[in-house]
């Protein structure tokens, strides 16, 4: 039986790429913090955002654009916005 091709979506891929760049930027800023205790606090708080991004990216790479894709993107954005509202970066 032939393997089903995953459905691609260029606009969604752009959103994932943009999300990746946002995660990388915030991580770079966190790693620039000199105080180790503060840096650890920020990393621990940002881990949820990184997890949501990895879940979003992994789902798209494995299954392509599907019914869960938009929900995963919303969950990532909510986690990112929550981090930004609680931590000054």
PDB file of N, CA and C in Angstrom:
ATOM      1  N   UNK A   1       0.841  -1.171   0.000  1.00  0.00           N
ATOM      2  CA  UNK A   1       0.000   0.000   0.000  1.00  0.00           C
ATOM      3  C   UNK A   1       0.893   1.243   0.000  1.00  0.00           C
ATOM      4  N   UNK A   2       0.568   2.185  -0.837  1.00  0.00           N
ATOM      5  CA  UNK A   2       1.359   3.402  -0.965  1.00  0.00           C
ATOM      6  C   UNK A   2       1.153   4.310   0.249  1.00  0.00           C
ATOM      7  N   UNK A   3       2.233   4.960   0.633  1.00  0.00           N
ATOM      8  CA  UNK A   3       2.169   5.884   1.752  1.00  0.00           C
ATOM      9  C   UNK A   3       1.477   7.167   1.310  1.00  0.00           C
ATOM     10  N   UNK A   4       0.567   7.661   2.139  1.00  0.00           N
ATOM     11  CA  UNK A   4      -0.161   8.879   1.830  1.00  0.00           C
ATOM     12  C   UNK A   4       0.778  10.077   1.948  1.00  0.00           C
ATOM     13  N   UNK A   5       0.756  10.950   0.954  1.00  0.00           N
ATOM     14  CA  UNK A   5       1.588  12.147   0.974  1.00  0.00           C
ATOM     15  C   UNK A   5       1.009  13.145   1.964  1.00  0.00           C
ATOM     16  N   UNK A   6       1.907  13.851   2.621  1.00  0.00           N
ATOM     17  CA  UNK A   6       1.437  14.858   3.557  1.00  0.00           C
ATOM     18  C   UNK A   6       1.071  16.128   2.796  1.00  0.00           C
ATOM     19  N   UNK A   7       0.047  16.788   3.272  1.00  0.00           N
ATOM     20  CA  UNK A   7      -0.446  18.011   2.641  1.00  0.00           C
ATOM     21  C   UNK A   7       0.430  19.182   3.075  1.00  0.00           C
ATOM     22  N   UNK A   8       0.929  19.935   2.098  1.00  0.00           N
ATOM     23  CA  UNK A   8       1.790  21.080   2.386  1.00  0.00           C
ATOM     24  C   UNK A   8       0.989  22.370   2.282  1.00  0.00           C
ATOM     25  N   UNK A   9       1.474  23.391   2.991  1.00  0.00           N
ATOM     26  CA  UNK A   9       0.823  24.696   2.984  1.00  0.00           C
ATOM     27  C   UNK A   9       1.910  25.753   3.136  1.00  0.00           C
ATOM     28  N   UNK A  10       2.187  26.480   2.051  1.00  0.00           N
ATOM     29  CA  UNK A  10       3.282  27.458   2.040  1.00  0.00           C
ATOM     30  C   UNK A  10       3.096  28.554   3.088  1.00  0.00           C
ATOM     31  N   UNK A  11       1.881  29.065   3.250  1.00  0.00           N
ATOM     32  CA  UNK A  11       1.633  30.105   4.248  1.00  0.00           C
ATOM     33  C   UNK A  11       1.909  29.594   5.657  1.00  0.00           C
ATOM     34  N   UNK A  12       1.516  28.363   5.924  1.00  0.00           N
ATOM     35  CA  UNK A  12       1.745  27.771   7.233  1.00  0.00           C
ATOM     36  C   UNK A  12       3.239  27.553   7.459  1.00  0.00           C
ATOM     37  N   UNK A  13       3.962  27.156   6.415  1.00  0.00           N
ATOM     38  CA  UNK A  13       5.411  26.977   6.513  1.00  0.00           C
ATOM     39  C   UNK A  13       6.089  28.300   6.866  1.00  0.00           C
ATOM     40  N   UNK A  14       5.591  29.401   6.316  1.00  0.00           N
ATOM     41  CA  UNK A  14       6.145  30.724   6.646  1.00  0.00           C
ATOM     42  C   UNK A  14       5.914  31.041   8.115  1.00  0.00           C
ATOM     43  N   UNK A  15       4.753  30.677   8.628  1.00  0.00           N
ATOM     44  CA  UNK A  15       4.451  30.917  10.043  1.00  0.00           C
ATOM     45  C   UNK A  15       5.366  30.085  10.940  1.00  0.00           C
ATOM     46  N   UNK A  16       5.641  28.862  10.538  1.00  0.00           N
ATOM     47  CA  UNK A  16       6.545  28.009  11.309  1.00  0.00           C
ATOM     48  C   UNK A  16       7.957  28.590  11.276  1.00  0.00           C
ATOM     49  N   UNK A  17       8.400  29.038  10.108  1.00  0.00           N
ATOM     50  CA  UNK A  17       9.728  29.637   9.980  1.00  0.00           C
ATOM     51  C   UNK A  17       9.842  30.889  10.844  1.00  0.00           C
ATOM     52  N   UNK A  18       8.810  31.715  10.817  1.00  0.00           N
ATOM     53  CA  UNK A  18       8.792  32.927  11.640  1.00  0.00           C
ATOM     54  C   UNK A  18       8.830  32.569  13.128  1.00  0.00           C
ATOM     55  N   UNK A  19       8.103  31.542  13.502  1.00  0.00           N
ATOM     56  CA  UNK A  19       8.097  31.079  14.890  1.00  0.00           C
ATOM     57  C   UNK A  19       9.481  30.604  15.303  1.00  0.00           C
ATOM     58  N   UNK A  20      10.150  29.894  14.403  1.00  0.00           N
ATOM     59  CA  UNK A  20      11.513  29.419  14.674  1.00  0.00           C
ATOM     60  C   UNK A  20      12.446  30.595  14.939  1.00  0.00           C
ATOM     61  N   UNK A  21      12.354  31.620  14.115  1.00  0.00           N
ATOM     62  CA  UNK A  21      13.213  32.795  14.272  1.00  0.00           C
ATOM     63  C   UNK A  21      12.926  33.502  15.594  1.00  0.00           C
ATOM     64  N   UNK A  22      11.664  33.585  15.985  1.00  0.00           N
ATOM     65  CA  UNK A  22      11.297  34.205  17.266  1.00  0.00           C
ATOM     66  C   UNK A  22      11.881  33.427  18.445  1.00  0.00           C
ATOM     67  N   UNK A  23      11.790  32.108  18.379  1.00  0.00           N
ATOM     68  CA  UNK A  23      12.340  31.265  19.437  1.00  0.00           C
ATOM     69  C   UNK A  23      13.851  31.452  19.518  1.00  0.00           C
ATOM     70  N   UNK A  24      14.516  31.429  18.367  1.00  0.00           N
ATOM     71  CA  UNK A  24      15.970  31.602  18.344  1.00  0.00           C
ATOM     72  C   UNK A  24      16.387  32.963  18.897  1.00  0.00           C
ATOM     73  N   UNK A  25      15.647  34.006  18.556  1.00  0.00           N
ATOM     74  CA  UNK A  25      15.962  35.346  19.038  1.00  0.00           C
ATOM     75  C   UNK A  25      15.832  35.442  20.563  1.00  0.00           C
ATOM     76  N   UNK A  26      14.742  34.926  21.093  1.00  0.00           N
ATOM     77  CA  UNK A  26      14.534  34.986  22.541  1.00  0.00           C
ATOM     78  C   UNK A  26      15.587  34.142  23.263  1.00  0.00           C
ATOM     79  N   UNK A  27      15.902  32.965  22.722  1.00  0.00           N
ATOM     80  CA  UNK A  27      16.934  32.136  23.346  1.00  0.00           C
ATOM     81  C   UNK A  27      18.283  32.851  23.348  1.00  0.00           C
ATOM     82  N   UNK A  28      18.612  33.529  22.263  1.00  0.00           N
ATOM     83  CA  UNK A  28      19.867  34.288  22.199  1.00  0.00           C
ATOM     84  C   UNK A  28      19.881  35.375  23.268  1.00  0.00           C
ATOM     85  N   UNK A  29      18.763  36.051  23.433  1.00  0.00           N
ATOM     86  CA  UNK A  29      18.680  37.096  24.459  1.00  0.00           C
ATOM     87  C   UNK A  29      18.807  36.504  25.860  1.00  0.00           C
ATOM     88  N   UNK A  30      18.193  35.339  26.070  1.00  0.00           N
ATOM     89  CA  UNK A  30      18.280  34.684  27.372  1.00  0.00           C
ATOM     90  C   UNK A  30      19.730  34.281  27.660  1.00  0.00           C
ATOM     91  N   UNK A  31      20.399  33.724  26.675  1.00  0.00           N
ATOM     92  CA  UNK A  31      21.786  33.293  26.886  1.00  0.00           C
ATOM     93  C   UNK A  31      22.735  34.472  27.072  1.00  0.00           C
ATOM     94  N   UNK A  32      22.313  35.666  26.706  1.00  0.00           N
ATOM     95  CA  UNK A  32      23.127  36.861  26.919  1.00  0.00           C
ATOM     96  C   UNK A  32      23.004  37.418  28.346  1.00  0.00           C
ATOM     97  N   UNK A  33      22.074  36.885  29.120  1.00  0.00           N
ATOM     98  CA  UNK A  33      21.896  37.351  30.499  1.00  0.00           C
ATOM     99  C   UNK A  33      23.091  36.872  31.325  1.00  0.00           C
ATOM    100  N   UNK A  34      23.724  37.796  32.037  1.00  0.00           N
ATOM    101  CA  UNK A  34      24.927  37.481  32.806  1.00  0.00           C
ATOM    102  C   UNK A  34      24.640  36.740  34.112  1.00  0.00           C
ATOM    103  N   UNK A  35      23.585  37.109  34.786  1.00  0.00           N
ATOM    104  CA  UNK A  35      23.238  36.488  36.066  1.00  0.00           C
ATOM    105  C   UNK A  35      22.691  35.077  35.826  1.00  0.00           C
ATOM    106  N   UNK A  36      23.402  34.058  36.332  1.00  0.00           N
ATOM    107  CA  UNK A  36      23.015  32.663  36.074  1.00  0.00           C
ATOM    108  C   UNK A  36      21.647  32.309  36.643  1.00  0.00           C
ATOM    109  N   UNK A  37      21.331  32.832  37.812  1.00  0.00           N
ATOM    110  CA  UNK A  37      20.036  32.520  38.425  1.00  0.00           C
ATOM    111  C   UNK A  37      18.880  33.064  37.589  1.00  0.00           C
ATOM    112  N   UNK A  38      19.036  34.285  37.133  1.00  0.00           N
ATOM    113  CA  UNK A  38      18.002  34.888  36.287  1.00  0.00           C
ATOM    114  C   UNK A  38      17.917  34.149  34.962  1.00  0.00           C
ATOM    115  N   UNK A  39      19.065  33.813  34.405  1.00  0.00           N
ATOM    116  CA  UNK A  39      19.090  33.087  33.139  1.00  0.00           C
ATOM    117  C   UNK A  39      18.352  31.746  33.269  1.00  0.00           C
ATOM    118  N   UNK A  40      18.602  31.018  34.343  1.00  0.00           N
ATOM    119  CA  UNK A  40      17.926  29.731  34.563  1.00  0.00           C
ATOM    120  C   UNK A  40      16.415  29.914  34.693  1.00  0.00           C
ATOM    121  N   UNK A  41      16.024  30.976  35.403  1.00  0.00           N
ATOM    122  CA  UNK A  41      14.587  31.261  35.566  1.00  0.00           C
ATOM    123  C   UNK A  41      13.939  31.507  34.201  1.00  0.00           C
ATOM    124  N   UNK A  42      14.594  32.294  33.368  1.00  0.00           N
ATOM    125  CA  UNK A  42      14.065  32.583  32.032  1.00  0.00           C
ATOM    126  C   UNK A  42      14.017  31.323  31.169  1.00  0.00           C
ATOM    127  N   UNK A  43      15.074  30.530  31.231  1.00  0.00           N
ATOM    128  CA  UNK A  43      15.109  29.298  30.430  1.00  0.00           C
ATOM    129  C   UNK A  43      13.989  28.357  30.853  1.00  0.00           C
ATOM    130  N   UNK A  44      13.817  28.190  32.154  1.00  0.00           N
ATOM    131  CA  UNK A  44      12.741  27.319  32.641  1.00  0.00           C
ATOM    132  C   UNK A  44      11.374  27.806  32.176  1.00  0.00           C
ATOM    133  N   UNK A  45      11.167  29.103  32.217  1.00  0.00           N
ATOM    134  CA  UNK A  45       9.880  29.658  31.782  1.00  0.00           C
ATOM    135  C   UNK A  45       9.706  29.522  30.267  1.00  0.00           C
ATOM    136  N   UNK A  46      10.794  29.665  29.525  1.00  0.00           N
ATOM    137  CA  UNK A  46      10.698  29.625  28.062  1.00  0.00           C
ATOM    138  C   UNK A  46      10.627  28.207  27.517  1.00  0.00           C
ATOM    139  N   UNK A  47      10.949  27.219  28.338  1.00  0.00           N
ATOM    140  CA  UNK A  47      10.889  25.824  27.881  1.00  0.00           C
ATOM    141  C   UNK A  47       9.509  25.439  27.356  1.00  0.00           C
ATOM    142  N   UNK A  48       8.456  25.967  27.942  1.00  0.00           N
ATOM    143  CA  UNK A  48       7.096  25.670  27.465  1.00  0.00           C
ATOM    144  C   UNK A  48       6.896  26.178  26.044  1.00  0.00           C
ATOM    145  N   UNK A  49       7.428  27.355  25.756  1.00  0.00           N
ATOM    146  CA  UNK A  49       7.315  27.916  24.408  1.00  0.00           C
ATOM    147  C   UNK A  49       8.090  27.047  23.425  1.00  0.00           C
ATOM    148  N   UNK A  50       9.293  26.648  23.807  1.00  0.00           N
ATOM    149  CA  UNK A  50      10.121  25.801  22.941  1.00  0.00           C
ATOM    150  C   UNK A  50       9.412  24.468  22.694  1.00  0.00           C
ATOM    151  N   UNK A  51       8.832  23.904  23.737  1.00  0.00           N
ATOM    152  CA  UNK A  51       8.093  22.649  23.595  1.00  0.00           C
ATOM    153  C   UNK A  51       6.928  22.806  22.612  1.00  0.00           C
ATOM    154  N   UNK A  52       6.181  23.886  22.741  1.00  0.00           N
ATOM    155  CA  UNK A  52       5.038  24.106  21.845  1.00  0.00           C
ATOM    156  C   UNK A  52       5.504  24.292  20.403  1.00  0.00           C
ATOM    157  N   UNK A  53       6.625  24.989  20.214  1.00  0.00           N
ATOM    158  CA  UNK A  53       7.177  25.161  18.868  1.00  0.00           C
ATOM    159  C   UNK A  53       7.603  23.809  18.290  1.00  0.00           C
ATOM    160  N   UNK A  54       8.302  23.001  19.080  1.00  0.00           N
ATOM    161  CA  UNK A  54       8.761  21.690  18.611  1.00  0.00           C
ATOM    162  C   UNK A  54       7.580  20.791  18.251  1.00  0.00           C
ATOM    163  N   UNK A  55       6.523  20.869  19.032  1.00  0.00           N
ATOM    164  CA  UNK A  55       5.317  20.088  18.745  1.00  0.00           C
ATOM    165  C   UNK A  55       4.689  20.544  17.426  1.00  0.00           C
ATOM    166  N   UNK A  56       4.615  21.851  17.230  1.00  0.00           N
ATOM    167  CA  UNK A  56       4.070  22.425  15.997  1.00  0.00           C
ATOM    168  C   UNK A  56       4.889  21.986  14.786  1.00  0.00           C
ATOM    169  N   UNK A  57       6.199  22.156  14.868  1.00  0.00           N
ATOM    170  CA  UNK A  57       7.095  21.810  13.768  1.00  0.00           C
ATOM    171  C   UNK A  57       7.078  20.312  13.490  1.00  0.00           C
ATOM    172  N   UNK A  58       7.139  19.518  14.552  1.00  0.00           N
ATOM    173  CA  UNK A  58       7.150  18.065  14.402  1.00  0.00           C
ATOM    174  C   UNK A  58       5.880  17.532  13.765  1.00  0.00           C
ATOM    175  N   UNK A  59       4.747  18.062  14.176  1.00  0.00           N
ATOM    176  CA  UNK A  59       3.468  17.633  13.604  1.00  0.00           C
ATOM    177  C   UNK A  59       3.412  17.956  12.119  1.00  0.00           C
ATOM    178  N   UNK A  60       3.884  19.152  11.748  1.00  0.00           N
ATOM    179  CA  UNK A  60       3.851  19.542  10.336  1.00  0.00           C
ATOM    180  C   UNK A  60       4.801  18.671   9.512  1.00  0.00           C
ATOM    181  N   UNK A  61       5.988  18.406  10.046  1.00  0.00           N
ATOM    182  CA  UNK A  61       6.953  17.578   9.311  1.00  0.00           C
ATOM    183  C   UNK A  61       6.460  16.151   9.148  1.00  0.00           C
ATOM    184  N   UNK A  62       5.759  15.638  10.154  1.00  0.00           N
ATOM    185  CA  UNK A  62       5.293  14.261  10.120  1.00  0.00           C
ATOM    186  C   UNK A  62       3.996  14.100   9.328  1.00  0.00           C
ATOM    187  N   UNK A  63       3.037  15.000   9.567  1.00  0.00           N
ATOM    188  CA  UNK A  63       1.709  14.826   8.992  1.00  0.00           C
ATOM    189  C   UNK A  63       1.335  15.868   7.943  1.00  0.00           C
ATOM    190  N   UNK A  64       2.113  16.946   7.872  1.00  0.00           N
ATOM    191  CA  UNK A  64       1.744  18.024   6.959  1.00  0.00           C
ATOM    192  C   UNK A  64       0.650  18.879   7.577  1.00  0.00           C
ATOM    193  N   UNK A  65       0.042  19.710   6.754  1.00  0.00           N
ATOM    194  CA  UNK A  65      -1.029  20.581   7.227  1.00  0.00           C
ATOM    195  C   UNK A  65      -2.273  19.739   7.455  1.00  0.00           C
ATOM    196  N   UNK A  66      -2.812  19.783   8.685  1.00  0.00           N
ATOM    197  CA  UNK A  66      -3.978  18.955   9.015  1.00  0.00           C
ATOM    198  C   UNK A  66      -4.908  19.719   9.947  1.00  0.00           C
ATOM    199  N   UNK A  67      -5.919  19.052  10.427  1.00  0.00           N
ATOM    200  CA  UNK A  67      -6.930  19.715  11.256  1.00  0.00           C
ATOM    201  C   UNK A  67      -6.366  20.247  12.567  1.00  0.00           C
ATOM    202  N   UNK A  68      -5.273  19.682  13.051  1.00  0.00           N
ATOM    203  CA  UNK A  68      -4.671  20.126  14.311  1.00  0.00           C
ATOM    204  C   UNK A  68      -3.668  21.261  14.133  1.00  0.00           C
ATOM    205  N   UNK A  69      -3.257  21.543  12.919  1.00  0.00           N
ATOM    206  CA  UNK A  69      -2.182  22.496  12.657  1.00  0.00           C
ATOM    207  C   UNK A  69      -2.481  23.883  13.211  1.00  0.00           C
ATOM    208  N   UNK A  70      -3.628  24.416  12.916  1.00  0.00           N
ATOM    209  CA  UNK A  70      -3.982  25.761  13.388  1.00  0.00           C
ATOM    210  C   UNK A  70      -4.062  25.801  14.909  1.00  0.00           C
ATOM    211  N   UNK A  71      -4.586  24.751  15.523  1.00  0.00           N
ATOM    212  CA  UNK A  71      -4.684  24.700  16.979  1.00  0.00           C
ATOM    213  C   UNK A  71      -3.288  24.680  17.611  1.00  0.00           C
ATOM    214  N   UNK A  72      -2.367  23.926  17.018  1.00  0.00           N
ATOM    215  CA  UNK A  72      -0.994  23.885  17.527  1.00  0.00           C
ATOM    216  C   UNK A  72      -0.323  25.251  17.391  1.00  0.00           C
ATOM    217  N   UNK A  73      -0.594  25.947  16.289  1.00  0.00           N
ATOM    218  CA  UNK A  73      -0.032  27.285  16.099  1.00  0.00           C
ATOM    219  C   UNK A  73      -0.594  28.257  17.139  1.00  0.00           C
ATOM    220  N   UNK A  74      -1.871  28.177  17.400  1.00  0.00           N
ATOM    221  CA  UNK A  74      -2.504  29.035  18.408  1.00  0.00           C
ATOM    222  C   UNK A  74      -1.924  28.739  19.788  1.00  0.00           C
ATOM    223  N   UNK A  75      -1.732  27.464  20.106  1.00  0.00           N
ATOM    224  CA  UNK A  75      -1.146  27.095  21.405  1.00  0.00           C
ATOM    225  C   UNK A  75       0.266  27.652  21.546  1.00  0.00           C
ATOM    226  N   UNK A  76       1.049  27.567  20.469  1.00  0.00           N
ATOM    227  CA  UNK A  76       2.401  28.127  20.491  1.00  0.00           C
ATOM    228  C   UNK A  76       2.346  29.643  20.718  1.00  0.00           C
ATOM    229  N   UNK A  77       1.500  30.323  19.960  1.00  0.00           N
ATOM    230  CA  UNK A  77       1.405  31.787  20.085  1.00  0.00           C
ATOM    231  C   UNK A  77       0.950  32.197  21.481  1.00  0.00           C
ATOM    232  N   UNK A  78       0.004  31.454  22.045  1.00  0.00           N
ATOM    233  CA  UNK A  78      -0.459  31.761  23.399  1.00  0.00           C
ATOM    234  C   UNK A  78       0.666  31.588  24.418  1.00  0.00           C
ATOM    235  N   UNK A  79       1.436  30.520  24.284  1.00  0.00           N
ATOM    236  CA  UNK A  79       2.559  30.289  25.196  1.00  0.00           C
ATOM    237  C   UNK A  79       3.608  31.387  25.045  1.00  0.00           C
ATOM    238  N   UNK A  80       3.886  31.796  23.805  1.00  0.00           N
ATOM    239  CA  UNK A  80       4.867  32.849  23.552  1.00  0.00           C
ATOM    240  C   UNK A  80       4.389  34.177  24.141  1.00  0.00           C
ATOM    241  N   UNK A  81       3.123  34.502  23.921  1.00  0.00           N
ATOM    242  CA  UNK A  81       2.565  35.746  24.456  1.00  0.00           C
ATOM    243  C   UNK A  81       2.551  35.750  25.984  1.00  0.00           C
ATOM    244  N   UNK A  82       2.254  34.617  26.583  1.00  0.00           N
ATOM    245  CA  UNK A  82       2.262  34.513  28.044  1.00  0.00           C
ATOM    246  C   UNK A  82       3.676  34.752  28.574  1.00  0.00           C
ATOM    247  N   UNK A  83       4.671  34.151  27.926  1.00  0.00           N
ATOM    248  CA  UNK A  83       6.051  34.367  28.347  1.00  0.00           C
ATOM    249  C   UNK A  83       6.414  35.843  28.242  1.00  0.00           C
ATOM    250  N   UNK A  84       6.076  36.455  27.119  1.00  0.00           N
ATOM    251  CA  UNK A  84       6.395  37.878  26.925  1.00  0.00           C
ATOM    252  C   UNK A  84       5.712  38.767  27.958  1.00  0.00           C
ATOM    253  N   UNK A  85       4.512  38.397  28.369  1.00  0.00           N
ATOM    254  CA  UNK A  85       3.794  39.234  29.338  1.00  0.00           C
ATOM    255  C   UNK A  85       4.364  39.080  30.749  1.00  0.00           C
ATOM    256  N   UNK A  86       4.965  37.931  31.039  1.00  0.00           N
ATOM    257  CA  UNK A  86       5.470  37.688  32.383  1.00  0.00           C
ATOM    258  C   UNK A  86       6.954  38.013  32.547  1.00  0.00           C
ATOM    259  N   UNK A  87       7.699  38.012  31.439  1.00  0.00           N
ATOM    260  CA  UNK A  87       9.142  38.223  31.507  1.00  0.00           C
ATOM    261  C   UNK A  87       9.547  39.336  30.555  1.00  0.00           C
ATOM    262  N   UNK A  88      10.414  40.187  31.039  1.00  0.00           N
ATOM    263  CA  UNK A  88      10.907  41.299  30.210  1.00  0.00           C
ATOM    264  C   UNK A  88      12.138  40.822  29.440  1.00  0.00           C
ATOM    265  N   UNK A  89      12.037  40.829  28.152  1.00  0.00           N
ATOM    266  CA  UNK A  89      13.165  40.346  27.314  1.00  0.00           C
ATOM    267  C   UNK A  89      13.612  41.427  26.394  1.00  0.00           C
TER     268      UNK A  89
END
